[in-house]
């Protein structure tokens, strides 16, 4: 499907990413949580893939799809996508097979995100909370404390007991950070695995996507219950 959509809103999420909401303008886009779209300036020659970070239920309620777009220090994504409310963007999709299943037999879910790999996992997590479920865990790794997108929302979900949340930073010596530091290891991940029948999703840089599935299998999760995507 190809659509031309106006940018409804742009919100700076981190120093290196912005939340961009594209108005469906009364139309609809059917997709599975975790899928992506190709996006570029209306009439332009260049499009880039971005995971949809809003769950299908959110999109239906708000009439907008949400993307997490990488930006430079100046807040600019690049010439392919001017981040100006009202500007038109060409959108193609949905794309991709890294998706939350339509009717999972599991009722426990674990999401492991690295950096902007949180985008498709946020859509999956919000969708998982909207269906019958048991425990839902999110382990989120970022370079610095400022690089956690959706942090206030995720901490609010954790405070309400909707999700189990753990965060770690891999760089920086911020004295105000009192959470975990370093790459995700088996000891840190173990508290999220309450049952071998847990469906797991991993998205982030190559090192994380290669290492975390090994740790999950060591903790008793069958490989067929682990879905991955490199970001």
C-alpha atoms as a PDB file:
ATOM      1  CA  UNK A   1       0.000   0.000   0.000  1.00  0.00           C
ATOM      2  CA  UNK A   2       1.237   3.496  -0.827  1.00  0.00           C
ATOM      3  CA  UNK A   3      -0.077   6.506   1.089  1.00  0.00           C
ATOM      4  CA  UNK A   4       0.754  10.191   1.276  1.00  0.00           C
ATOM      5  CA  UNK A   5       0.378  11.347   4.869  1.00  0.00           C
ATOM      6  CA  UNK A   6       0.920  14.654   6.664  1.00  0.00           C
ATOM      7  CA  UNK A   7       3.208  14.831   9.668  1.00  0.00           C
ATOM      8  CA  UNK A   8       0.932  15.518  12.631  1.00  0.00           C
ATOM      9  CA  UNK A   9       3.545  15.942  15.344  1.00  0.00           C
ATOM     10  CA  UNK A  10       7.280  15.708  16.014  1.00  0.00           C
ATOM     11  CA  UNK A  11       8.549  15.143  19.571  1.00  0.00           C
ATOM     12  CA  UNK A  12      12.209  14.918  20.532  1.00  0.00           C
ATOM     13  CA  UNK A  13      12.568  11.561  22.265  1.00  0.00           C
ATOM     14  CA  UNK A  14      16.323  11.521  22.922  1.00  0.00           C
ATOM     15  CA  UNK A  15      19.281  13.597  21.721  1.00  0.00           C
ATOM     16  CA  UNK A  16      19.486  11.251  18.737  1.00  0.00           C
ATOM     17  CA  UNK A  17      15.880  10.311  17.997  1.00  0.00           C
ATOM     18  CA  UNK A  18      12.484  11.902  17.468  1.00  0.00           C
ATOM     19  CA  UNK A  19       8.958  10.513  17.685  1.00  0.00           C
ATOM     20  CA  UNK A  20       7.145  11.310  14.448  1.00  0.00           C
ATOM     21  CA  UNK A  21       3.377  10.889  14.167  1.00  0.00           C
ATOM     22  CA  UNK A  22       1.919  10.585  10.667  1.00  0.00           C
ATOM     23  CA  UNK A  23      -1.775  11.390  10.323  1.00  0.00           C
ATOM     24  CA  UNK A  24      -3.790   8.745   8.490  1.00  0.00           C
ATOM     25  CA  UNK A  25      -6.222  11.522   7.581  1.00  0.00           C
ATOM     26  CA  UNK A  26      -9.280   9.334   8.045  1.00  0.00           C
ATOM     27  CA  UNK A  27      -7.739   6.363   6.232  1.00  0.00           C
ATOM     28  CA  UNK A  28      -6.319   3.164   7.664  1.00  0.00           C
ATOM     29  CA  UNK A  29      -3.183   1.067   7.565  1.00  0.00           C
ATOM     30  CA  UNK A  30      -3.533  -2.558   8.574  1.00  0.00           C
ATOM     31  CA  UNK A  31      -0.343  -4.012  10.001  1.00  0.00           C
ATOM     32  CA  UNK A  32       0.977  -6.417  12.599  1.00  0.00           C
ATOM     33  CA  UNK A  33       2.836  -5.112  15.635  1.00  0.00           C
ATOM     34  CA  UNK A  34       6.531  -5.093  14.747  1.00  0.00           C
ATOM     35  CA  UNK A  35       6.181  -4.270  11.061  1.00  0.00           C
ATOM     36  CA  UNK A  36       7.799  -1.322   9.297  1.00  0.00           C
ATOM     37  CA  UNK A  37       7.077   1.162   6.529  1.00  0.00           C
ATOM     38  CA  UNK A  38       9.209   2.894   3.924  1.00  0.00           C
ATOM     39  CA  UNK A  39       9.030   6.659   4.412  1.00  0.00           C
ATOM     40  CA  UNK A  40      10.299   9.606   2.422  1.00  0.00           C
ATOM     41  CA  UNK A  41       9.450  13.174   1.571  1.00  0.00           C
ATOM     42  CA  UNK A  42       6.446  13.421  -0.769  1.00  0.00           C
ATOM     43  CA  UNK A  43       7.616  13.124  -4.348  1.00  0.00           C
ATOM     44  CA  UNK A  44      11.202  12.417  -3.331  1.00  0.00           C
ATOM     45  CA  UNK A  45      13.431   9.662  -4.681  1.00  0.00           C
ATOM     46  CA  UNK A  46      14.713   8.329  -1.350  1.00  0.00           C
ATOM     47  CA  UNK A  47      12.780   6.321   1.213  1.00  0.00           C
ATOM     48  CA  UNK A  48      14.047   4.663   4.356  1.00  0.00           C
ATOM     49  CA  UNK A  49      12.527   1.900   6.487  1.00  0.00           C
ATOM     50  CA  UNK A  50      11.201   2.721   9.945  1.00  0.00           C
ATOM     51  CA  UNK A  51       9.463   0.354  12.328  1.00  0.00           C
ATOM     52  CA  UNK A  52       6.020   1.430  13.429  1.00  0.00           C
ATOM     53  CA  UNK A  53       6.300   2.060  17.162  1.00  0.00           C
ATOM     54  CA  UNK A  54       2.570   2.393  17.823  1.00  0.00           C
ATOM     55  CA  UNK A  55       0.506  -0.738  18.405  1.00  0.00           C
ATOM     56  CA  UNK A  56      -2.320  -1.375  15.921  1.00  0.00           C
ATOM     57  CA  UNK A  57      -4.821  -0.631  18.692  1.00  0.00           C
ATOM     58  CA  UNK A  58      -3.219   2.779  19.298  1.00  0.00           C
ATOM     59  CA  UNK A  59      -3.204   3.607  15.607  1.00  0.00           C
ATOM     60  CA  UNK A  60      -6.888   2.726  15.310  1.00  0.00           C
ATOM     61  CA  UNK A  61      -7.696   4.943  18.314  1.00  0.00           C
ATOM     62  CA  UNK A  62      -5.553   7.959  17.385  1.00  0.00           C
ATOM     63  CA  UNK A  63      -5.720   7.838  13.588  1.00  0.00           C
ATOM     64  CA  UNK A  64      -1.935   8.116  13.347  1.00  0.00           C
ATOM     65  CA  UNK A  65       1.070   5.848  13.005  1.00  0.00           C
ATOM     66  CA  UNK A  66       4.085   6.577  15.124  1.00  0.00           C
ATOM     67  CA  UNK A  67       7.741   6.200  14.143  1.00  0.00           C
ATOM     68  CA  UNK A  68      10.996   6.597  16.057  1.00  0.00           C
ATOM     69  CA  UNK A  69      13.319   8.437  13.675  1.00  0.00           C
ATOM     70  CA  UNK A  70      17.045   8.873  14.164  1.00  0.00           C
ATOM     71  CA  UNK A  71      18.208  12.498  14.030  1.00  0.00           C
ATOM     72  CA  UNK A  72      21.438  14.473  14.281  1.00  0.00           C
ATOM     73  CA  UNK A  73      22.336  16.941  17.004  1.00  0.00           C
ATOM     74  CA  UNK A  74      20.377  19.568  15.070  1.00  0.00           C
ATOM     75  CA  UNK A  75      17.208  17.463  15.140  1.00  0.00           C
ATOM     76  CA  UNK A  76      17.366  16.798  11.394  1.00  0.00           C
ATOM     77  CA  UNK A  77      16.665  13.301  10.075  1.00  0.00           C
ATOM     78  CA  UNK A  78      18.105  13.995   6.630  1.00  0.00           C
ATOM     79  CA  UNK A  79      16.957  15.287   3.257  1.00  0.00           C
ATOM     80  CA  UNK A  80      14.742  12.224   2.748  1.00  0.00           C
ATOM     81  CA  UNK A  81      12.372  13.323   5.515  1.00  0.00           C
ATOM     82  CA  UNK A  82      12.004  16.954   6.671  1.00  0.00           C
ATOM     83  CA  UNK A  83      10.553  16.771  10.193  1.00  0.00           C
ATOM     84  CA  UNK A  84       8.061  19.625   9.927  1.00  0.00           C
ATOM     85  CA  UNK A  85       4.445  19.324  11.117  1.00  0.00           C
ATOM     86  CA  UNK A  86       2.197  19.554   8.086  1.00  0.00           C
ATOM     87  CA  UNK A  87       4.840  18.334   5.646  1.00  0.00           C
ATOM     88  CA  UNK A  88       3.754  15.428   3.460  1.00  0.00           C
ATOM     89  CA  UNK A  89       5.484  12.048   3.490  1.00  0.00           C
ATOM     90  CA  UNK A  90       5.109   9.118   1.108  1.00  0.00           C
ATOM     91  CA  UNK A  91       4.606   5.880   3.015  1.00  0.00           C
ATOM     92  CA  UNK A  92       4.770   2.334   1.660  1.00  0.00           C
ATOM     93  CA  UNK A  93       3.975  -0.805   3.554  1.00  0.00           C
ATOM     94  CA  UNK A  94       3.561  -2.546   5.846  1.00  0.00           C
ATOM     95  CA  UNK A  95       6.795  -4.500   5.510  1.00  0.00           C
ATOM     96  CA  UNK A  96       8.671  -7.160   7.430  1.00  0.00           C
ATOM     97  CA  UNK A  97       8.227 -10.504   9.155  1.00  0.00           C
ATOM     98  CA  UNK A  98       9.497  -9.508  12.613  1.00  0.00           C
ATOM     99  CA  UNK A  99       5.998  -9.476  14.056  1.00  0.00           C
ATOM    100  CA  UNK A 100       3.991 -10.390  17.108  1.00  0.00           C
ATOM    101  CA  UNK A 101       1.960 -13.516  16.199  1.00  0.00           C
ATOM    102  CA  UNK A 102      -1.766 -13.151  15.678  1.00  0.00           C
ATOM    103  CA  UNK A 103      -2.675 -15.772  18.276  1.00  0.00           C
ATOM    104  CA  UNK A 104       0.306 -16.803  20.408  1.00  0.00           C
ATOM    105  CA  UNK A 105      -0.030 -19.892  22.546  1.00  0.00           C
ATOM    106  CA  UNK A 106       2.312 -18.299  25.104  1.00  0.00           C
ATOM    107  CA  UNK A 107       1.040 -15.859  27.702  1.00  0.00           C
ATOM    108  CA  UNK A 108       4.421 -14.685  29.001  1.00  0.00           C
ATOM    109  CA  UNK A 109       6.462 -12.281  26.885  1.00  0.00           C
ATOM    110  CA  UNK A 110       9.976 -10.868  27.157  1.00  0.00           C
ATOM    111  CA  UNK A 111      11.266  -7.988  25.036  1.00  0.00           C
ATOM    112  CA  UNK A 112      14.960  -7.088  24.835  1.00  0.00           C
ATOM    113  CA  UNK A 113      15.791  -3.781  23.141  1.00  0.00           C
ATOM    114  CA  UNK A 114      18.996  -2.001  22.272  1.00  0.00           C
ATOM    115  CA  UNK A 115      18.878   1.704  21.424  1.00  0.00           C
ATOM    116  CA  UNK A 116      16.281   2.592  18.784  1.00  0.00           C
ATOM    117  CA  UNK A 117      15.489  -1.115  18.532  1.00  0.00           C
ATOM    118  CA  UNK A 118      12.819  -0.213  21.074  1.00  0.00           C
ATOM    119  CA  UNK A 119      10.571   0.998  18.225  1.00  0.00           C
ATOM    120  CA  UNK A 120       9.038  -2.287  17.023  1.00  0.00           C
ATOM    121  CA  UNK A 121       9.199  -3.722  20.535  1.00  0.00           C
ATOM    122  CA  UNK A 122       7.132  -0.863  21.928  1.00  0.00           C
ATOM    123  CA  UNK A 123       4.416  -1.679  19.380  1.00  0.00           C
ATOM    124  CA  UNK A 124       4.568  -5.350  20.349  1.00  0.00           C
ATOM    125  CA  UNK A 125       4.612  -4.614  24.078  1.00  0.00           C
ATOM    126  CA  UNK A 126       1.583  -2.307  23.890  1.00  0.00           C
ATOM    127  CA  UNK A 127      -0.211  -4.928  21.809  1.00  0.00           C
ATOM    128  CA  UNK A 128       0.734  -7.685  24.259  1.00  0.00           C
ATOM    129  CA  UNK A 129      -0.830  -5.678  27.086  1.00  0.00           C
ATOM    130  CA  UNK A 130      -4.071  -5.455  25.091  1.00  0.00           C
ATOM    131  CA  UNK A 131      -4.508  -9.241  24.765  1.00  0.00           C
ATOM    132  CA  UNK A 132      -4.763 -11.995  27.408  1.00  0.00           C
ATOM    133  CA  UNK A 133      -1.319 -12.194  28.987  1.00  0.00           C
ATOM    134  CA  UNK A 134       0.713 -13.139  32.013  1.00  0.00           C
ATOM    135  CA  UNK A 135       3.977 -11.401  32.800  1.00  0.00           C
ATOM    136  CA  UNK A 136       5.443  -8.940  30.310  1.00  0.00           C
ATOM    137  CA  UNK A 137       9.111  -8.009  30.713  1.00  0.00           C
ATOM    138  CA  UNK A 138      11.270  -5.405  28.985  1.00  0.00           C
ATOM    139  CA  UNK A 139      15.044  -5.221  29.247  1.00  0.00           C
ATOM    140  CA  UNK A 140      16.236  -2.004  27.600  1.00  0.00           C
ATOM    141  CA  UNK A 141      19.890  -1.235  26.881  1.00  0.00           C
ATOM    142  CA  UNK A 142      21.106   2.198  25.743  1.00  0.00           C
ATOM    143  CA  UNK A 143      24.418   3.993  25.499  1.00  0.00           C
ATOM    144  CA  UNK A 144      23.650   6.671  28.107  1.00  0.00           C
ATOM    145  CA  UNK A 145      20.740   7.572  30.426  1.00  0.00           C
ATOM    146  CA  UNK A 146      19.594  10.171  27.866  1.00  0.00           C
ATOM    147  CA  UNK A 147      19.241   7.572  25.122  1.00  0.00           C
ATOM    148  CA  UNK A 148      16.165   5.765  26.467  1.00  0.00           C
ATOM    149  CA  UNK A 149      13.220   6.601  24.215  1.00  0.00           C
ATOM    150  CA  UNK A 150       9.738   6.328  25.767  1.00  0.00           C
ATOM    151  CA  UNK A 151      11.347   6.144  29.210  1.00  0.00           C
ATOM    152  CA  UNK A 152       8.648   8.026  31.148  1.00  0.00           C
ATOM    153  CA  UNK A 153       5.927   5.889  29.581  1.00  0.00           C
ATOM    154  CA  UNK A 154       7.750   2.638  30.251  1.00  0.00           C
ATOM    155  CA  UNK A 155       8.530   3.559  33.854  1.00  0.00           C
ATOM    156  CA  UNK A 156       4.871   4.463  34.381  1.00  0.00           C
ATOM    157  CA  UNK A 157       3.824   1.033  33.086  1.00  0.00           C
ATOM    158  CA  UNK A 158       6.319  -0.578  35.456  1.00  0.00           C
ATOM    159  CA  UNK A 159       5.143   1.511  38.408  1.00  0.00           C
ATOM    160  CA  UNK A 160       1.578   0.308  37.781  1.00  0.00           C
ATOM    161  CA  UNK A 161       2.758  -3.287  37.672  1.00  0.00           C
ATOM    162  CA  UNK A 162       1.850  -3.733  34.002  1.00  0.00           C
ATOM    163  CA  UNK A 163       5.393  -4.678  32.990  1.00  0.00           C
ATOM    164  CA  UNK A 164       8.687  -5.687  34.525  1.00  0.00           C
ATOM    165  CA  UNK A 165      11.319  -3.170  33.442  1.00  0.00           C
ATOM    166  CA  UNK A 166      15.084  -3.247  33.683  1.00  0.00           C
ATOM    167  CA  UNK A 167      17.473  -0.749  32.091  1.00  0.00           C
ATOM    168  CA  UNK A 168      21.232  -0.723  31.583  1.00  0.00           C
ATOM    169  CA  UNK A 169      23.655   1.784  30.079  1.00  0.00           C
ATOM    170  CA  UNK A 170      26.750   0.737  28.169  1.00  0.00           C
ATOM    171  CA  UNK A 171      28.674   4.026  28.086  1.00  0.00           C
ATOM    172  CA  UNK A 172      29.154   7.156  30.112  1.00  0.00           C
ATOM    173  CA  UNK A 173      30.013   7.728  33.726  1.00  0.00           C
ATOM    174  CA  UNK A 174      26.913   9.690  34.700  1.00  0.00           C
ATOM    175  CA  UNK A 175      27.018   9.946  38.494  1.00  0.00           C
ATOM    176  CA  UNK A 176      23.226  10.418  38.604  1.00  0.00           C
ATOM    177  CA  UNK A 177      22.592   7.000  37.061  1.00  0.00           C
ATOM    178  CA  UNK A 178      21.982   4.382  39.742  1.00  0.00           C
ATOM    179  CA  UNK A 179      20.779   1.568  37.490  1.00  0.00           C
ATOM    180  CA  UNK A 180      22.632  -1.253  35.801  1.00  0.00           C
ATOM    181  CA  UNK A 181      25.725  -0.687  33.707  1.00  0.00           C
ATOM    182  CA  UNK A 182      27.276  -2.785  30.978  1.00  0.00           C
ATOM    183  CA  UNK A 183      26.005  -5.203  28.385  1.00  0.00           C
ATOM    184  CA  UNK A 184      23.130  -7.535  29.152  1.00  0.00           C
ATOM    185  CA  UNK A 185      24.376 -10.789  30.658  1.00  0.00           C
ATOM    186  CA  UNK A 186      22.797 -13.998  31.859  1.00  0.00           C
ATOM    187  CA  UNK A 187      22.543 -12.956  35.506  1.00  0.00           C
ATOM    188  CA  UNK A 188      20.744  -9.736  34.613  1.00  0.00           C
ATOM    189  CA  UNK A 189      18.370 -11.467  32.197  1.00  0.00           C
ATOM    190  CA  UNK A 190      17.495 -14.435  34.406  1.00  0.00           C
ATOM    191  CA  UNK A 191      14.840 -12.658  36.545  1.00  0.00           C
ATOM    192  CA  UNK A 192      12.710 -12.122  33.416  1.00  0.00           C
ATOM    193  CA  UNK A 193      12.496 -15.821  32.549  1.00  0.00           C
ATOM    194  CA  UNK A 194       9.745 -17.132  34.800  1.00  0.00           C
ATOM    195  CA  UNK A 195       8.743 -20.008  32.529  1.00  0.00           C
ATOM    196  CA  UNK A 196      10.334 -21.830  29.559  1.00  0.00           C
ATOM    197  CA  UNK A 197       7.079 -21.199  27.692  1.00  0.00           C
ATOM    198  CA  UNK A 198       7.944 -17.524  27.215  1.00  0.00           C
ATOM    199  CA  UNK A 199       7.886 -15.847  23.820  1.00  0.00           C
ATOM    200  CA  UNK A 200      10.891 -13.549  23.400  1.00  0.00           C
ATOM    201  CA  UNK A 201      11.642 -10.716  21.005  1.00  0.00           C
ATOM    202  CA  UNK A 202      15.087  -9.149  20.584  1.00  0.00           C
ATOM    203  CA  UNK A 203      15.837  -6.030  18.514  1.00  0.00           C
ATOM    204  CA  UNK A 204      18.920  -3.842  18.460  1.00  0.00           C
ATOM    205  CA  UNK A 205      22.520  -3.729  17.231  1.00  0.00           C
ATOM    206  CA  UNK A 206      24.232  -6.851  15.924  1.00  0.00           C
ATOM    207  CA  UNK A 207      26.135  -7.698  19.114  1.00  0.00           C
ATOM    208  CA  UNK A 208      22.942  -7.694  21.174  1.00  0.00           C
ATOM    209  CA  UNK A 209      20.961  -9.674  18.602  1.00  0.00           C
ATOM    210  CA  UNK A 210      23.704 -12.301  18.433  1.00  0.00           C
ATOM    211  CA  UNK A 211      24.335 -12.603  22.166  1.00  0.00           C
ATOM    212  CA  UNK A 212      20.924 -12.366  23.852  1.00  0.00           C
ATOM    213  CA  UNK A 213      19.350 -15.411  22.123  1.00  0.00           C
ATOM    214  CA  UNK A 214      22.267 -17.518  23.388  1.00  0.00           C
ATOM    215  CA  UNK A 215      21.608 -16.310  26.919  1.00  0.00           C
ATOM    216  CA  UNK A 216      17.882 -17.004  26.608  1.00  0.00           C
ATOM    217  CA  UNK A 217      18.494 -20.575  25.430  1.00  0.00           C
ATOM    218  CA  UNK A 218      20.871 -21.096  28.360  1.00  0.00           C
ATOM    219  CA  UNK A 219      18.001 -19.981  30.597  1.00  0.00           C
ATOM    220  CA  UNK A 220      15.703 -22.644  29.148  1.00  0.00           C
ATOM    221  CA  UNK A 221      13.903 -20.840  26.321  1.00  0.00           C
ATOM    222  CA  UNK A 222      13.601 -22.946  23.149  1.00  0.00           C
ATOM    223  CA  UNK A 223      15.131 -21.287  20.093  1.00  0.00           C
ATOM    224  CA  UNK A 224      11.803 -21.355  18.238  1.00  0.00           C
ATOM    225  CA  UNK A 225      10.390 -19.054  20.921  1.00  0.00           C
ATOM    226  CA  UNK A 226      13.006 -16.360  20.249  1.00  0.00           C
ATOM    227  CA  UNK A 227      12.398 -13.829  17.436  1.00  0.00           C
ATOM    228  CA  UNK A 228      15.140 -11.385  16.448  1.00  0.00           C
ATOM    229  CA  UNK A 229      15.778  -8.387  14.241  1.00  0.00           C
ATOM    230  CA  UNK A 230      19.021  -6.470  13.829  1.00  0.00           C
ATOM    231  CA  UNK A 231      18.636  -2.701  13.946  1.00  0.00           C
END
